[in-house]
């Protein structure tokens, strides 16, 4: 049986292709399982996570901080264990 001799350049190319393929597979799995970069999936997760009353999330309050010339809106959204247990309580 003959040994196949590969140059260092060919080995680097093969390793690069393998790493690139692994990264692509990982990104595809993230996109399909988490909804990353898919607004409709984020909306679905919001609707399934929170309980709504009159179009607003139950047990939440609005607040504002007055500025000098403009209003700045901040949306804070999280899907941690603490918030999920809050829904169930």
C-alpha atoms as a PDB file:
ATOM      1  CA  UNK A   1       0.000   0.000   0.000  1.00  0.00           C
ATOM      2  CA  UNK A   2       1.357   3.376  -0.968  1.00  0.00           C
ATOM      3  CA  UNK A   3       1.499   6.238   1.470  1.00  0.00           C
ATOM      4  CA  UNK A   4      -0.176   9.406   0.361  1.00  0.00           C
ATOM      5  CA  UNK A   5       2.113  12.344   0.887  1.00  0.00           C
ATOM      6  CA  UNK A   6       0.420  15.672   1.425  1.00  0.00           C
ATOM      7  CA  UNK A   7       2.227  18.942   1.496  1.00  0.00           C
ATOM      8  CA  UNK A   8       1.807  21.259   4.461  1.00  0.00           C
ATOM      9  CA  UNK A   9      -0.145  23.648   2.239  1.00  0.00           C
ATOM     10  CA  UNK A  10      -2.664  20.939   1.295  1.00  0.00           C
ATOM     11  CA  UNK A  11      -3.037  19.893   4.938  1.00  0.00           C
ATOM     12  CA  UNK A  12      -3.764  23.515   5.924  1.00  0.00           C
ATOM     13  CA  UNK A  13      -6.378  23.779   3.172  1.00  0.00           C
ATOM     14  CA  UNK A  14      -8.062  20.544   4.257  1.00  0.00           C
ATOM     15  CA  UNK A  15      -8.112  21.644   7.918  1.00  0.00           C
ATOM     16  CA  UNK A  16      -9.490  25.055   6.895  1.00  0.00           C
ATOM     17  CA  UNK A  17     -12.272  23.413   4.906  1.00  0.00           C
ATOM     18  CA  UNK A  18     -13.167  21.143   7.829  1.00  0.00           C
ATOM     19  CA  UNK A  19     -13.248  24.084  10.268  1.00  0.00           C
ATOM     20  CA  UNK A  20     -15.314  26.176   7.842  1.00  0.00           C
ATOM     21  CA  UNK A  21     -17.787  23.302   7.409  1.00  0.00           C
ATOM     22  CA  UNK A  22     -18.143  22.876  11.170  1.00  0.00           C
ATOM     23  CA  UNK A  23     -18.803  26.604  11.595  1.00  0.00           C
ATOM     24  CA  UNK A  24     -21.441  26.586   8.841  1.00  0.00           C
ATOM     25  CA  UNK A  25     -23.191  23.559  10.373  1.00  0.00           C
ATOM     26  CA  UNK A  26     -23.146  25.267  13.787  1.00  0.00           C
ATOM     27  CA  UNK A  27     -24.616  28.506  12.389  1.00  0.00           C
ATOM     28  CA  UNK A  28     -27.357  26.604  10.568  1.00  0.00           C
ATOM     29  CA  UNK A  29     -28.238  24.762  13.768  1.00  0.00           C
ATOM     30  CA  UNK A  30     -28.429  28.068  15.659  1.00  0.00           C
ATOM     31  CA  UNK A  31     -30.690  29.561  12.996  1.00  0.00           C
ATOM     32  CA  UNK A  32     -33.053  26.599  12.947  1.00  0.00           C
ATOM     33  CA  UNK A  33     -33.284  25.938  16.688  1.00  0.00           C
ATOM     34  CA  UNK A  34     -33.175  29.374  18.326  1.00  0.00           C
ATOM     35  CA  UNK A  35     -34.742  31.785  15.849  1.00  0.00           C
ATOM     36  CA  UNK A  36     -31.546  33.853  15.729  1.00  0.00           C
ATOM     37  CA  UNK A  37     -31.997  36.692  13.182  1.00  0.00           C
ATOM     38  CA  UNK A  38     -35.625  35.653  12.560  1.00  0.00           C
ATOM     39  CA  UNK A  39     -38.055  38.276  13.832  1.00  0.00           C
ATOM     40  CA  UNK A  40     -41.091  36.010  13.527  1.00  0.00           C
ATOM     41  CA  UNK A  41     -39.474  33.396  15.790  1.00  0.00           C
ATOM     42  CA  UNK A  42     -38.735  36.078  18.382  1.00  0.00           C
ATOM     43  CA  UNK A  43     -42.379  37.180  18.284  1.00  0.00           C
ATOM     44  CA  UNK A  44     -43.527  33.569  18.691  1.00  0.00           C
ATOM     45  CA  UNK A  45     -41.268  33.166  21.713  1.00  0.00           C
ATOM     46  CA  UNK A  46     -42.638  36.385  23.238  1.00  0.00           C
ATOM     47  CA  UNK A  47     -46.210  35.220  22.770  1.00  0.00           C
ATOM     48  CA  UNK A  48     -45.510  31.817  24.285  1.00  0.00           C
ATOM     49  CA  UNK A  49     -43.449  33.200  27.196  1.00  0.00           C
ATOM     50  CA  UNK A  50     -45.565  36.075  28.487  1.00  0.00           C
ATOM     51  CA  UNK A  51     -49.165  36.354  29.617  1.00  0.00           C
ATOM     52  CA  UNK A  52     -50.958  39.371  28.177  1.00  0.00           C
ATOM     53  CA  UNK A  53     -53.758  41.535  29.510  1.00  0.00           C
ATOM     54  CA  UNK A  54     -55.230  44.348  27.376  1.00  0.00           C
ATOM     55  CA  UNK A  55     -52.331  44.003  24.923  1.00  0.00           C
ATOM     56  CA  UNK A  56     -49.669  44.471  27.614  1.00  0.00           C
ATOM     57  CA  UNK A  57     -47.612  41.942  29.512  1.00  0.00           C
ATOM     58  CA  UNK A  58     -49.253  41.130  32.867  1.00  0.00           C
ATOM     59  CA  UNK A  59     -47.638  42.454  36.058  1.00  0.00           C
ATOM     60  CA  UNK A  60     -45.396  44.942  34.277  1.00  0.00           C
ATOM     61  CA  UNK A  61     -45.303  48.689  34.607  1.00  0.00           C
ATOM     62  CA  UNK A  62     -44.361  51.469  32.285  1.00  0.00           C
ATOM     63  CA  UNK A  63     -41.872  54.043  33.420  1.00  0.00           C
ATOM     64  CA  UNK A  64     -40.262  57.093  31.933  1.00  0.00           C
ATOM     65  CA  UNK A  65     -37.219  59.151  32.684  1.00  0.00           C
ATOM     66  CA  UNK A  66     -37.605  62.718  31.543  1.00  0.00           C
ATOM     67  CA  UNK A  67     -34.775  64.062  29.445  1.00  0.00           C
ATOM     68  CA  UNK A  68     -33.892  67.559  28.427  1.00  0.00           C
ATOM     69  CA  UNK A  69     -34.767  67.424  24.742  1.00  0.00           C
ATOM     70  CA  UNK A  70     -35.694  63.908  23.624  1.00  0.00           C
ATOM     71  CA  UNK A  71     -37.305  60.698  24.745  1.00  0.00           C
ATOM     72  CA  UNK A  72     -35.219  57.546  24.604  1.00  0.00           C
ATOM     73  CA  UNK A  73     -36.977  54.171  24.481  1.00  0.00           C
ATOM     74  CA  UNK A  74     -35.275  51.114  25.896  1.00  0.00           C
ATOM     75  CA  UNK A  75     -36.567  47.598  25.370  1.00  0.00           C
ATOM     76  CA  UNK A  76     -35.190  45.058  27.795  1.00  0.00           C
ATOM     77  CA  UNK A  77     -36.039  41.492  26.915  1.00  0.00           C
ATOM     78  CA  UNK A  78     -34.722  38.300  28.447  1.00  0.00           C
ATOM     79  CA  UNK A  79     -35.544  34.628  28.468  1.00  0.00           C
ATOM     80  CA  UNK A  80     -33.852  33.487  31.618  1.00  0.00           C
ATOM     81  CA  UNK A  81     -35.098  30.962  34.150  1.00  0.00           C
ATOM     82  CA  UNK A  82     -36.092  33.717  36.564  1.00  0.00           C
ATOM     83  CA  UNK A  83     -38.515  35.301  34.113  1.00  0.00           C
ATOM     84  CA  UNK A  84     -40.070  31.973  33.162  1.00  0.00           C
ATOM     85  CA  UNK A  85     -40.696  31.124  36.795  1.00  0.00           C
ATOM     86  CA  UNK A  86     -42.273  34.566  37.239  1.00  0.00           C
ATOM     87  CA  UNK A  87     -44.798  33.658  34.543  1.00  0.00           C
ATOM     88  CA  UNK A  88     -45.708  30.441  36.313  1.00  0.00           C
ATOM     89  CA  UNK A  89     -46.122  32.020  39.750  1.00  0.00           C
END
